Amino acid sequence: MINLFSIVLGLVALIASFVNLLGYKKQKSKKWVAFSIISFSACAIAICLQMFYSYILVKNEDFASLMDTMGTMAFVSAILVSVTILLNVVTFVLYRDKITI
């Protein structure tokens, strides 16, 4: 169940970033900061859930499952963080001119 929530939150992180980029063409898009915060938060929670899942495997002494899944979890988490940061940086660069101080 934890893995399912982690996958859903990872998808939310990526979708929120894409919605941000797709909303760039609209001149009245003022919710880009909220979408960036949602994206980073969902990414962080997804990775925390993966750490909790690893903790549960260690606590249950299921080291075979831990060894089978750890490499993939680390790789997918790194991809999720990298893509989320990249998309949000691109969003910030695009919206930089629209920021009013």
Protein backbone atom coordinates (compact mmCIF):
# COMPACT_ATOMS: atom_id res chain seq x y z
CA MET A 1 0.00 0.00 0.00
CA ILE A 2 2.88 2.36 0.78
CA ASN A 3 4.36 1.73 -2.66
CA LEU A 4 1.06 2.58 -4.35
CA PHE A 5 0.83 5.91 -2.51
CA SER A 6 4.45 6.61 -3.38
CA ILE A 7 3.81 6.00 -7.08
CA VAL A 8 0.70 8.18 -7.02
CA LEU A 9 2.54 11.02 -5.30
CA GLY A 10 5.43 10.72 -7.74
CA LEU A 11 2.98 11.06 -10.61
CA VAL A 12 1.36 14.05 -8.88
CA ALA A 13 4.78 15.69 -8.63
CA LEU A 14 5.44 15.25 -12.34
CA ILE A 15 1.91 16.17 -13.46
CA ALA A 16 1.92 19.36 -11.37
CA SER A 17 5.18 20.38 -13.04
CA PHE A 18 3.76 19.69 -16.51
CA VAL A 19 0.58 21.64 -15.71
CA ASN A 20 2.83 24.51 -14.71
CA LEU A 21 4.64 24.43 -18.03
CA LEU A 22 1.43 24.07 -20.05
CA GLY A 23 -0.09 27.06 -18.24
CA TYR A 24 2.77 29.30 -19.31
CA LYS A 25 1.01 30.38 -22.50
CA LYS A 26 -1.86 31.86 -20.48
CA GLN A 27 -0.90 35.37 -19.49
CA LYS A 28 -3.11 35.28 -16.38
CA SER A 29 -1.58 32.18 -14.82
CA LYS A 30 -0.78 33.21 -11.26
CA LYS A 31 -0.86 29.79 -9.62
CA TRP A 32 2.54 28.63 -10.80
CA VAL A 33 4.09 29.00 -7.34
CA ALA A 34 1.38 26.81 -5.82
CA PHE A 35 1.94 24.14 -8.46
CA SER A 36 5.69 24.23 -7.81
CA ILE A 37 5.15 23.83 -4.08
CA ILE A 38 2.72 20.95 -4.69
CA SER A 39 5.24 19.35 -7.03
CA PHE A 40 8.16 19.54 -4.59
CA SER A 41 5.99 18.45 -1.65
CA ALA A 42 4.60 15.43 -3.49
CA CYS A 43 8.11 14.44 -4.56
CA ALA A 44 9.43 14.70 -0.98
CA ILE A 45 6.52 12.73 0.47
CA ALA A 46 6.89 10.02 -2.20
CA ILE A 47 10.55 9.55 -1.30
CA CYS A 48 9.75 9.55 2.44
CA LEU A 49 7.21 6.81 1.86
CA GLN A 50 9.88 4.76 0.11
CA MET A 51 12.16 5.21 3.12
CA PHE A 52 9.35 4.09 5.44
CA TYR A 53 8.83 1.03 3.25
CA SER A 54 12.53 0.21 3.55
CA TYR A 55 12.31 0.67 7.31
CA ILE A 56 9.38 -1.76 7.47
CA LEU A 57 11.37 -4.34 5.51
CA VAL A 58 14.33 -3.96 7.88
CA LYS A 59 12.08 -4.11 10.95
CA ASN A 60 10.48 -7.32 9.65
CA GLU A 61 13.96 -8.66 8.82
CA ASP A 62 12.94 -9.23 5.21
CA PHE A 63 16.41 -8.59 3.88
CA ALA A 64 15.86 -10.56 0.66
CA SER A 65 13.06 -8.18 -0.39
CA LEU A 66 15.14 -5.21 0.70
CA MET A 67 18.10 -6.31 -1.39
CA ASP A 68 15.84 -6.98 -4.39
CA THR A 69 14.13 -3.59 -4.32
CA MET A 70 16.76 -1.18 -2.99
CA GLY A 71 18.59 -0.57 -6.26
CA THR A 72 15.40 0.14 -8.18
CA MET A 73 14.03 2.37 -5.42
CA ALA A 74 17.22 4.41 -5.36
CA PHE A 75 17.29 4.75 -9.15
CA VAL A 76 13.63 5.73 -9.48
CA SER A 77 13.90 8.18 -6.58
CA ALA A 78 16.90 9.84 -8.20
CA ILE A 79 15.05 10.12 -11.52
CA LEU A 80 11.96 11.56 -9.77
CA VAL A 81 13.98 14.19 -7.91
CA SER A 82 16.02 15.13 -10.99
CA VAL A 83 13.02 15.50 -13.29
CA THR A 84 11.00 17.40 -10.67
CA ILE A 85 13.82 19.85 -10.05
CA LEU A 86 14.50 20.26 -13.77
CA LEU A 87 10.86 20.95 -14.64
CA ASN A 88 10.44 23.39 -11.77
CA VAL A 89 13.64 25.25 -12.68
CA VAL A 90 12.42 25.54 -16.28
CA THR A 91 9.09 26.84 -14.96
CA PHE A 92 10.85 29.40 -12.79
CA VAL A 93 12.98 30.59 -15.71
CA LEU A 94 9.91 30.96 -17.92
CA TYR A 95 7.88 32.81 -15.28
CA ARG A 96 10.80 34.94 -14.15
CA ASP A 97 9.75 37.82 -16.37
CA LYS A 98 6.18 37.73 -15.03
CA ILE A 99 7.22 38.03 -11.38
CA THR A 100 6.25 41.38 -9.90
CA ILE A 101 7.92 42.48 -6.73
